[in-house]
Protein backbone atom coordinates (compact mmCIF):
# COMPACT_ATOMS: atom_id res chain seq x y z
CA UNK A 1 -7.33 -28.59 9.41
CA UNK A 2 -6.33 -31.96 8.04
CA UNK A 3 -2.86 -33.52 8.71
CA UNK A 4 0.00 -32.46 6.47
CA UNK A 5 0.50 -34.81 3.52
CA UNK A 6 3.54 -35.39 1.31
CA UNK A 7 3.97 -36.05 -2.39
CA UNK A 8 7.26 -37.32 -3.82
CA UNK A 9 8.20 -37.76 -7.44
CA UNK A 10 5.00 -36.19 -8.75
CA UNK A 11 6.50 -33.15 -10.51
CA UNK A 12 6.06 -33.28 -14.29
CA UNK A 13 7.03 -29.77 -15.47
CA UNK A 14 8.64 -26.57 -14.20
CA UNK A 15 8.01 -23.32 -16.04
CA UNK A 16 9.56 -20.32 -14.32
CA UNK A 17 7.94 -20.03 -10.88
CA UNK A 18 5.17 -22.56 -11.73
CA UNK A 19 5.53 -26.22 -10.83
CA UNK A 20 3.10 -28.70 -12.44
CA UNK A 21 2.50 -31.82 -10.34
CA UNK A 22 0.42 -34.99 -10.68
CA UNK A 23 -2.44 -34.91 -8.20
CA UNK A 24 -2.38 -38.05 -6.06
CA UNK A 25 -3.90 -36.61 -2.87
CA UNK A 26 -6.85 -34.46 -1.91
CA UNK A 27 -5.87 -30.79 -1.94
CA UNK A 28 -7.56 -27.41 -1.91
CA UNK A 29 -7.16 -24.27 -4.02
CA UNK A 30 -4.76 -21.74 -2.47
CA UNK A 31 -3.49 -24.34 -0.02
CA UNK A 32 0.02 -23.67 1.27
CA UNK A 33 2.73 -26.06 0.10
CA UNK A 34 6.35 -26.65 1.08
CA UNK A 35 8.51 -27.48 -1.94
CA UNK A 36 11.79 -29.29 -1.25
CA UNK A 37 14.55 -30.14 -3.71
CA UNK A 38 17.77 -32.12 -3.75
CA UNK A 39 19.63 -29.00 -2.63
CA UNK A 40 18.01 -29.34 0.79
CA UNK A 41 16.17 -26.01 0.60
CA UNK A 42 12.48 -25.76 1.46
CA UNK A 43 10.54 -23.18 -0.54
CA UNK A 44 7.10 -21.83 0.21
CA UNK A 45 4.38 -22.23 -2.42
CA UNK A 46 0.64 -22.42 -2.86
CA UNK A 47 -1.76 -24.31 -5.09
CA UNK A 48 -2.87 -21.90 -7.83
CA UNK A 49 -4.95 -24.29 -9.95
CA UNK A 50 -5.98 -27.94 -9.89
CA UNK A 51 -8.08 -30.49 -11.71
CA UNK A 52 -8.60 -34.22 -11.31
CA UNK A 53 -5.15 -35.13 -12.62
CA UNK A 54 -2.80 -32.21 -11.97
CA UNK A 55 -2.00 -29.32 -9.64
CA UNK A 56 -0.24 -26.06 -10.45
CA UNK A 57 2.01 -24.82 -7.66
CA UNK A 58 3.15 -21.21 -7.46
CA UNK A 59 6.68 -21.36 -6.02
CA UNK A 60 7.11 -18.16 -4.03
CA UNK A 61 10.89 -18.33 -3.77
CA UNK A 62 13.60 -18.92 -6.34
CA UNK A 63 13.09 -22.28 -8.09
CA UNK A 64 16.81 -22.52 -8.92
CA UNK A 65 18.15 -25.90 -7.91
CA UNK A 66 14.86 -27.78 -8.23
CA UNK A 67 15.05 -31.03 -10.23
CA UNK A 68 11.81 -32.71 -11.23
CA UNK A 69 12.90 -36.19 -10.18
CA UNK A 70 13.96 -35.08 -6.70
CA UNK A 71 11.23 -32.55 -5.91
CA UNK A 72 9.00 -33.34 -2.93
CA UNK A 73 5.88 -31.48 -1.77
CA UNK A 74 4.36 -31.20 1.66
CA UNK A 75 0.79 -29.93 1.80
CA UNK A 76 0.07 -27.87 4.91
CA UNK A 77 -3.68 -28.46 4.84
CA UNK A 78 -4.54 -24.75 5.13
CA UNK A 79 -4.25 -21.57 3.07
CA UNK A 80 -1.23 -19.32 3.44
CA UNK A 81 -1.35 -17.52 6.78
CA UNK A 82 0.57 -14.66 8.37
CA UNK A 83 1.66 -15.01 11.99
CA UNK A 84 1.03 -11.60 13.56
CA UNK A 85 1.47 -10.06 16.95
CA UNK A 86 2.71 -7.02 18.87
CA UNK A 87 5.85 -5.40 17.52
CA UNK A 88 4.96 -5.36 13.83
CA UNK A 89 5.45 -1.58 13.61
CA UNK A 90 9.01 -0.50 12.95
CA UNK A 91 9.80 -3.74 11.13
CA UNK A 92 10.83 -4.41 7.51
CA UNK A 93 9.56 -7.54 5.73
CA UNK A 94 10.07 -9.10 2.34
CA UNK A 95 7.17 -9.73 -0.03
CA UNK A 96 5.93 -12.81 1.83
CA UNK A 97 6.04 -11.46 5.36
CA UNK A 98 9.47 -12.70 6.40
CA UNK A 99 11.63 -10.27 8.43
CA UNK A 100 14.16 -8.55 6.18
CA UNK A 101 15.75 -6.25 8.75
CA UNK A 102 17.86 -8.81 10.59
CA UNK A 103 15.45 -8.81 13.53
CA UNK A 104 13.76 -11.78 15.17
CA UNK A 105 10.49 -13.31 13.96
CA UNK A 106 7.31 -11.66 15.17
CA UNK A 107 5.88 -13.00 18.41
CA UNK A 108 2.80 -14.74 16.99
CA UNK A 109 -0.48 -13.83 18.60
CA UNK A 110 -2.83 -14.77 15.76
CA UNK A 111 -2.64 -16.61 12.45
CA UNK A 112 -4.61 -14.78 9.77
CA UNK A 113 -5.22 -16.02 6.20
CA UNK A 114 -3.59 -13.65 3.74
CA UNK A 115 -6.66 -13.51 1.47
CA UNK A 116 -8.61 -11.86 4.27
CA UNK A 117 -11.76 -12.89 6.05
CA UNK A 118 -15.21 -12.39 4.52
CA UNK A 119 -17.02 -9.32 5.81
CA UNK A 120 -20.78 -9.07 6.05
CA UNK A 121 -21.70 -5.89 4.12
CA UNK A 122 -24.13 -5.00 6.90
CA UNK A 123 -21.17 -4.69 9.26
CA UNK A 124 -19.57 -1.97 7.16
CA UNK A 125 -19.87 1.62 8.34
CA UNK A 126 -19.70 4.74 6.17
CA UNK A 127 -16.15 6.17 6.07
CA UNK A 128 -15.90 9.37 8.06
CA UNK A 129 -13.30 11.86 9.26
CA UNK A 130 -10.17 13.20 7.67
CA UNK A 131 -6.57 12.04 7.22
CA UNK A 132 -4.13 14.91 6.72
CA UNK A 133 -1.39 13.95 4.24
CA UNK A 134 0.56 17.22 4.24
CA UNK A 135 -0.13 17.72 0.51
CA UNK A 136 -2.36 20.73 -0.21
CA UNK A 137 -3.79 19.37 -3.47
CA UNK A 138 -5.09 16.35 -1.56
CA UNK A 139 -5.97 17.78 1.85
CA UNK A 140 -7.69 20.91 0.56
CA UNK A 141 -9.05 19.85 -2.83
CA UNK A 142 -9.45 16.02 -2.75
CA UNK A 143 -9.49 15.05 0.90
CA UNK A 144 -8.67 11.52 2.03
CA UNK A 145 -11.27 10.06 4.41
CA UNK A 146 -10.64 7.30 6.94
CA UNK A 147 -11.84 3.98 5.51
CA UNK A 148 -11.63 5.22 1.90
CA UNK A 149 -9.72 3.69 -1.01
CA UNK A 150 -8.28 6.55 -3.05
CA UNK A 151 -5.77 5.62 -5.80
CA UNK A 152 -3.03 7.82 -7.18
CA UNK A 153 -2.63 7.63 -10.97
CA UNK A 154 0.91 8.41 -12.10
CA UNK A 155 2.99 8.09 -15.28
CA UNK A 156 6.44 6.70 -15.89
CA UNK A 157 9.13 9.11 -14.71
CA UNK A 158 6.87 11.16 -12.41
CA UNK A 159 7.84 11.43 -8.72
CA UNK A 160 5.22 9.06 -7.27
CA UNK A 161 7.85 7.32 -5.12
CA UNK A 162 8.74 10.63 -3.49
CA UNK A 163 5.05 11.46 -3.00
CA UNK A 164 4.47 8.04 -1.40
CA UNK A 165 7.29 8.65 1.07
CA UNK A 166 6.08 12.20 1.79
CA UNK A 167 2.60 10.92 2.61
CA UNK A 168 3.95 8.06 4.74
CA UNK A 169 6.14 10.53 6.62
CA UNK A 170 3.62 13.30 7.24
CA UNK A 171 0.17 11.65 7.25
CA UNK A 172 -1.62 12.08 10.57
CA UNK A 173 -4.97 12.29 12.28
CA UNK A 174 -6.03 15.73 13.41
CA UNK A 175 -5.89 16.03 17.16
CA UNK A 176 -2.55 14.26 17.51
CA UNK A 177 -3.91 10.74 18.05
CA UNK A 178 -1.18 8.15 18.65
CA UNK A 179 -3.23 5.21 17.32
CA UNK A 180 -2.36 6.00 13.69
CA UNK A 181 -0.16 3.57 11.72
CA UNK A 182 1.21 3.13 8.20
CA UNK A 183 1.57 -0.09 6.21
CA UNK A 184 3.80 0.58 3.21
CA UNK A 185 4.24 -2.02 0.45
CA UNK A 186 6.69 -1.67 -2.43
CA UNK A 187 5.62 -4.14 -5.16
CA UNK A 188 8.15 -5.14 -7.80
CA UNK A 189 10.35 -2.13 -7.08
CA UNK A 190 14.03 -1.89 -8.09
CA UNK A 191 16.62 -2.09 -5.35
CA UNK A 192 17.38 1.64 -5.39
CA UNK A 193 13.69 2.47 -4.86
CA UNK A 194 13.42 -0.06 -2.03
CA UNK A 195 16.52 1.43 -0.42
CA UNK A 196 15.05 4.95 -0.86
CA UNK A 197 11.82 3.92 0.88
CA UNK A 198 13.65 2.33 3.78
CA UNK A 199 16.23 5.09 4.31
CA UNK A 200 13.67 7.88 4.00
CA UNK A 201 11.33 6.35 6.56
CA UNK A 202 14.21 5.63 8.94
CA UNK A 203 15.65 9.15 8.60
CA UNK A 204 12.29 10.85 9.21
CA UNK A 205 11.44 8.61 12.17
CA UNK A 206 8.25 7.45 10.44
CA UNK A 207 9.47 3.84 10.35
CA UNK A 208 8.62 3.55 14.05
CA UNK A 209 4.90 3.70 13.17
CA UNK A 210 5.25 1.80 9.87
CA UNK A 211 5.25 -1.84 8.79
CA UNK A 212 7.33 -1.88 5.58
CA UNK A 213 6.99 -4.66 2.97
CA UNK A 214 9.49 -4.70 0.10
CA UNK A 215 9.11 -6.97 -2.93
CA UNK A 216 12.04 -6.42 -5.30
CA UNK A 217 11.89 -6.48 -9.08
CA UNK A 218 14.26 -9.45 -8.99
CA UNK A 219 11.86 -11.51 -6.85
CA UNK A 220 9.52 -14.10 -8.27
CA UNK A 221 6.42 -12.82 -10.07
CA UNK A 222 4.35 -15.24 -7.98
CA UNK A 223 5.71 -13.60 -4.83
CA UNK A 224 4.64 -10.24 -6.23
CA UNK A 225 1.03 -11.44 -6.21
CA UNK A 226 1.21 -12.05 -2.47
CA UNK A 227 2.94 -8.86 -1.31
CA UNK A 228 -0.22 -6.70 -1.14
CA UNK A 229 -2.07 -9.59 0.51
CA UNK A 230 0.52 -9.92 3.28
CA UNK A 231 0.58 -6.12 3.71
CA UNK A 232 -3.22 -5.89 3.91
CA UNK A 233 -3.35 -8.78 6.37
CA UNK A 234 -0.94 -6.90 8.62
CA UNK A 235 -3.09 -3.78 8.23
CA UNK A 236 -6.26 -5.69 9.16
CA UNK A 237 -4.54 -6.96 12.30
CA UNK A 238 -3.47 -3.44 13.29
CA UNK A 239 -6.89 -1.97 12.51
CA UNK A 240 -9.34 -4.59 13.75
CA UNK A 241 -7.29 -6.37 16.43
CA UNK A 242 -5.26 -3.50 17.88
CA UNK A 243 -7.83 -0.77 17.12
CA UNK A 244 -5.54 1.50 15.11
CA UNK A 245 -6.36 3.79 12.20
CA UNK A 246 -4.19 2.39 9.40
CA UNK A 247 -3.20 3.95 6.09
CA UNK A 248 -1.99 1.40 3.53
CA UNK A 249 0.21 2.67 0.69
CA UNK A 250 0.66 0.18 -2.17
CA UNK A 251 3.13 1.03 -4.93
CA UNK A 252 3.16 0.08 -7.78
CA UNK A 253 -0.10 -1.77 -8.48
CA UNK A 254 0.72 -1.87 -12.19
CA UNK A 255 3.64 -4.17 -11.33
CA UNK A 256 1.18 -6.39 -9.48
CA UNK A 257 -1.17 -6.54 -12.49
CA UNK A 258 1.65 -7.32 -14.89
CA UNK A 259 2.77 -10.17 -12.63
CA UNK A 260 -0.82 -11.44 -12.64
CA UNK A 261 -0.80 -11.36 -16.44
CA UNK A 262 2.52 -13.24 -16.55
CA UNK A 263 1.39 -15.97 -14.18
CA UNK A 264 -1.99 -16.28 -15.88
CA UNK A 265 -0.29 -16.75 -19.25
CA UNK A 266 2.06 -19.39 -17.82
CA UNK A 267 -0.96 -21.33 -16.55
CA UNK A 268 -2.45 -21.30 -20.06
CA UNK A 269 -5.48 -19.18 -19.17
CA UNK A 270 -7.37 -17.40 -21.94
CA UNK A 271 -6.20 -13.77 -22.08
CA UNK A 272 -8.58 -10.83 -22.06
CA UNK A 273 -8.07 -7.14 -22.73
CA UNK A 274 -4.40 -6.33 -23.45
CA UNK A 275 -3.45 -9.85 -22.35
CA UNK A 276 -4.66 -9.46 -18.78
CA UNK A 277 -6.81 -12.29 -17.41
CA UNK A 278 -10.57 -11.84 -17.52
CA UNK A 279 -10.71 -11.88 -13.73
CA UNK A 280 -8.47 -8.81 -13.33
CA UNK A 281 -11.43 -6.76 -12.06
CA UNK A 282 -12.44 -9.26 -9.39
CA UNK A 283 -8.82 -9.83 -8.37
CA UNK A 284 -8.25 -6.11 -7.83
CA UNK A 285 -11.59 -5.83 -6.04
CA UNK A 286 -10.48 -8.52 -3.57
CA UNK A 287 -7.59 -6.23 -2.60
CA UNK A 288 -9.26 -2.83 -2.69
CA UNK A 289 -12.40 -3.93 -0.85
CA UNK A 290 -10.33 -4.83 2.20
CA UNK A 291 -10.41 -1.12 3.07
CA UNK A 292 -13.17 0.27 5.23
CA UNK A 293 -14.71 0.71 8.66
CA UNK A 294 -16.51 -2.03 10.59
CA UNK A 295 -19.28 -1.40 13.09
CA UNK A 296 -18.18 -2.11 16.63
CA UNK A 297 -14.48 -1.98 15.74
CA UNK A 298 -12.39 0.99 16.86
CA UNK A 299 -9.91 0.91 13.99
CA UNK A 300 -10.19 1.77 10.31
CA UNK A 301 -8.29 0.70 7.19
CA UNK A 302 -7.65 3.29 4.47
CA UNK A 303 -5.95 2.50 1.17
CA UNK A 304 -3.84 4.72 -1.09
CA UNK A 305 -2.80 2.47 -3.98
CA UNK A 306 -0.37 4.02 -6.46
CA UNK A 307 -0.19 2.88 -10.07
CA UNK A 308 1.60 4.02 -13.20
CA UNK A 309 -0.47 4.33 -16.36
CA UNK A 310 1.26 2.58 -19.31
CA UNK A 311 1.77 5.07 -22.17
CA UNK A 312 0.11 7.72 -19.94
CA UNK A 313 -3.23 6.09 -20.87
CA UNK A 314 -5.89 6.56 -18.20
CA UNK A 315 -8.10 4.19 -20.20
CA UNK A 316 -5.60 1.32 -19.80
CA UNK A 317 -7.20 -1.69 -18.05
CA UNK A 318 -5.31 -1.18 -14.79
CA UNK A 319 -6.36 2.46 -14.06
CA UNK A 320 -9.70 1.92 -15.78
CA UNK A 321 -10.75 -1.00 -13.58
CA UNK A 322 -9.21 0.60 -10.50
CA UNK A 323 -11.40 3.65 -11.06
CA UNK A 324 -14.53 1.48 -11.11
CA UNK A 325 -13.69 -0.14 -7.76
CA UNK A 326 -12.33 2.79 -5.78
CA UNK A 327 -13.79 6.09 -4.60
CA UNK A 328 -12.07 8.57 -6.87
CA UNK A 329 -8.51 9.18 -8.04
CA UNK A 330 -5.58 11.56 -7.64
CA UNK A 331 -4.03 12.22 -11.07
CA UNK A 332 -0.46 13.41 -11.60
CA UNK A 333 0.33 15.65 -14.58
CA UNK A 334 3.40 15.40 -16.78
CA UNK A 335 2.90 19.03 -17.89
CA UNK A 336 2.95 20.30 -14.29
CA UNK A 337 6.04 18.22 -13.61
CA UNK A 338 7.81 19.85 -16.57
CA UNK A 339 7.00 23.25 -15.01
CA UNK A 340 8.75 22.19 -11.81
CA UNK A 341 5.55 21.89 -9.78
CA UNK A 342 5.85 19.35 -6.95
CA UNK A 343 3.76 17.42 -6.34
CA UNK A 344 2.38 17.68 -9.91
CA UNK A 345 -1.25 16.95 -8.98
CA UNK A 346 -3.76 17.86 -11.68
CA UNK A 347 -6.80 18.83 -9.62
CA UNK A 348 -9.28 18.99 -12.51
CA UNK A 349 -9.43 15.24 -13.32
CA UNK A 350 -8.79 14.34 -9.67
CA UNK A 351 -11.72 13.45 -7.45
CA UNK A 352 -12.41 12.18 -3.95
CA UNK A 353 -15.98 10.89 -3.91
CA UNK A 354 -16.10 10.58 -0.13
CA UNK A 355 -14.59 14.00 0.57
CA UNK A 356 -17.95 15.47 1.54
CA UNK A 357 -18.32 12.87 4.32
CA UNK A 358 -15.03 13.71 6.01
CA UNK A 359 -14.69 17.50 5.90
CA UNK A 360 -16.61 20.53 7.13
CA UNK A 361 -17.79 21.41 10.61
CA UNK A 362 -16.82 18.81 13.19
CA UNK A 363 -14.11 17.31 10.97
CA UNK A 364 -11.90 20.01 9.41
CA UNK A 365 -13.36 23.53 9.13
CA UNK A 366 -16.88 24.72 8.41
CA UNK A 367 -15.68 26.75 5.41
CA UNK A 368 -13.50 23.99 3.93
CA UNK A 369 -16.11 22.61 1.44
CA UNK A 370 -17.01 26.03 0.03
CA UNK A 371 -13.35 27.04 -0.28
CA UNK A 372 -12.48 23.83 -2.13
CA UNK A 373 -15.41 24.27 -4.52
CA UNK A 374 -14.52 27.87 -5.28
CA UNK A 375 -10.84 27.08 -5.87
CA UNK A 376 -11.79 24.24 -8.22
CA UNK A 377 -14.20 26.44 -10.20
CA UNK A 378 -11.70 29.29 -10.42
CA UNK A 379 -8.86 27.04 -11.60
CA UNK A 380 -11.12 25.46 -14.23
CA UNK A 381 -11.95 28.97 -15.50
CA UNK A 382 -8.22 29.82 -15.49
CA UNK A 383 -7.45 26.82 -17.71
CA UNK A 384 -10.16 27.96 -20.13
CA UNK A 385 -8.69 31.47 -20.11
CA UNK A 386 -5.29 30.05 -21.07
CA UNK A 387 -6.80 28.42 -24.12
CA UNK A 388 -8.43 31.70 -25.11
CA UNK A 389 -5.17 33.58 -24.52
CA UNK A 390 -3.31 31.23 -26.84
CA UNK A 391 -5.73 32.28 -29.60
CA UNK A 392 -6.26 36.03 -29.08
CA UNK A 393 -3.26 36.92 -26.88
CA UNK A 394 -3.29 38.65 -23.52
CA UNK A 395 -4.18 42.00 -25.10
CA UNK A 396 -7.44 40.56 -26.40
CA UNK A 397 -8.51 39.34 -22.97
CA UNK A 398 -10.97 41.09 -20.68
CA UNK A 399 -9.76 42.31 -17.27
CA UNK A 400 -11.68 39.46 -15.61
CA UNK A 401 -10.02 36.88 -17.86
CA UNK A 402 -6.60 38.35 -17.11
CA UNK A 403 -7.33 38.06 -13.39
CA UNK A 404 -8.05 34.38 -13.92
CA UNK A 405 -4.79 33.94 -15.83
CA UNK A 406 -2.93 35.43 -12.87
CA UNK A 407 -4.91 33.25 -10.48
CA UNK A 408 -4.03 30.08 -12.44
CA UNK A 409 -0.31 30.84 -12.32
CA UNK A 410 -0.42 31.63 -8.60
CA UNK A 411 -2.55 28.54 -7.87
CA UNK A 412 0.07 26.26 -9.41
CA UNK A 413 3.14 28.03 -8.02
CA UNK A 414 1.89 28.79 -4.52
CA UNK A 415 -0.79 26.20 -3.66
CA UNK A 416 0.04 23.10 -5.68
CA UNK A 417 3.80 23.50 -5.43
CA UNK A 418 5.25 22.98 -1.99
CA UNK A 419 8.76 22.38 -0.75
CA UNK A 420 7.59 20.99 2.59
CA UNK A 421 4.50 19.46 4.17
CA UNK A 422 1.66 21.82 5.08
CA UNK A 423 -1.10 21.69 7.62
CA UNK A 424 -4.67 22.04 6.37
CA UNK A 425 -4.86 25.48 7.99
CA UNK A 426 -1.79 26.64 6.04
CA UNK A 427 -3.31 25.33 2.80
CA UNK A 428 -6.60 27.09 3.48
CA UNK A 429 -4.80 30.35 4.21
CA UNK A 430 -3.07 30.21 0.81
CA UNK A 431 -6.40 29.42 -0.85
CA UNK A 432 -8.12 32.45 0.69
CA UNK A 433 -5.20 34.70 -0.29
CA UNK A 434 -5.36 33.54 -3.93
CA UNK A 435 -9.12 34.08 -4.16
CA UNK A 436 -8.70 37.65 -2.92
CA UNK A 437 -7.17 38.49 -6.32
CA UNK A 438 -10.41 37.70 -8.16
CA UNK A 439 -13.37 40.09 -8.53
CA UNK A 440 -15.86 39.60 -5.72
CA UNK A 441 -18.69 39.02 -8.19
CA UNK A 442 -16.89 35.93 -9.51
CA UNK A 443 -16.90 34.16 -6.13
CA UNK A 444 -20.28 32.52 -6.56
CA UNK A 445 -19.44 29.42 -4.49
CA UNK A 446 -18.85 31.46 -1.34
CA UNK A 447 -21.48 32.99 0.92
CA UNK A 448 -21.50 36.70 1.75
CA UNK A 449 -20.47 35.85 5.28
CA UNK A 450 -17.45 33.87 4.06
CA UNK A 451 -16.40 36.69 1.75
CA UNK A 452 -16.61 39.19 4.60
CA UNK A 453 -14.81 36.91 7.06
CA UNK A 454 -11.94 35.78 4.83
CA UNK A 455 -11.54 38.14 1.85
CA UNK A 456 -12.71 41.70 2.52
CA UNK A 457 -9.68 42.58 4.63
CA UNK A 458 -7.23 41.26 2.01
CA UNK A 459 -8.34 43.49 -0.88
């Protein structure tokens, strides 16, 4: 690391959170900068772009009070880093890793760059095992596996904030392991949502195993770009330094992408699809690919990013590119929400591509995969039966089709809808009970032994 260097009187333009400065010293991209004004305040920033003549500084705190003639910069000679150590769990931070709960600074044990360290792909291990979230539609039908990145696609007005808190409160490893931790990041959230996250986690007692990062909607857009990076850096410390199994919940990634578009436009970059920068895919990949398991390391890092789909469009660039990078998606349904189903998870377009590697014998239950497959097939048939019923009416349906109509209603009201968290065993019990209402000849995804063991006595 080179010595810290200072620049005075080099500022030429200030546009929102971006400060444009004449380049008179050697500097590096993403280097941390201290920005001081005549008001005596020192603000944190980083170099976002540079050429031979100029540098663009992202000011991560309010630029109010900065005057071009009196602005001074101090280059730290290193990228932004997060000082981490024991005691991070149970703490609340702002979007750039500063304590926001009135507590003392963290006792620093290590300094880690917030953009993460490069990982040799050979060191990555295949995600295995199961994280129980307490939500039947996820645990039973689209299981979350340790080391996976599984996004949740929502729409404006749907209860994704409540779902995020429910998962943070009830998620656990089977077997009661105490080395499980949550890193929860609210990105560009209004104050009432931030207060809801904090109060809910405190009331449930989950805050004791959680590191909470809150970036408010009123904060700088440049700070919004760093919130997931600080949160993931904390998660990497917990996972790969302390050996914990960490679940990272990021909400709302659409706010992050819109901040990226705003900052990119301010820097004069050529816009791409819907105004987002052309590097949106690689930028998201830098965040999502920080999930995983490493050989020789005890801990794992699992991601559950939550994003809202603008205009309910799953083909929008943000969900579209997220789907390419991650291993599936959990999709919320506005129609189910209107029916009062909570959580309104639409299981048909939802998918967990790594589910098969974390369930079954030795992980959950030997009959879990077959049960999930049969429930999915039966619900898909029930949706088809509803379409037919809308054309010919219930009287024109066959007895088998009517049994599927009844199954579809019960599936939504009894399995998808839940007033409280459920264990996987409770979810499986409901699933077996619902399948008992279908003709035995329709249960083609189950073996004869499974039908005898779980269904014959219920008919």
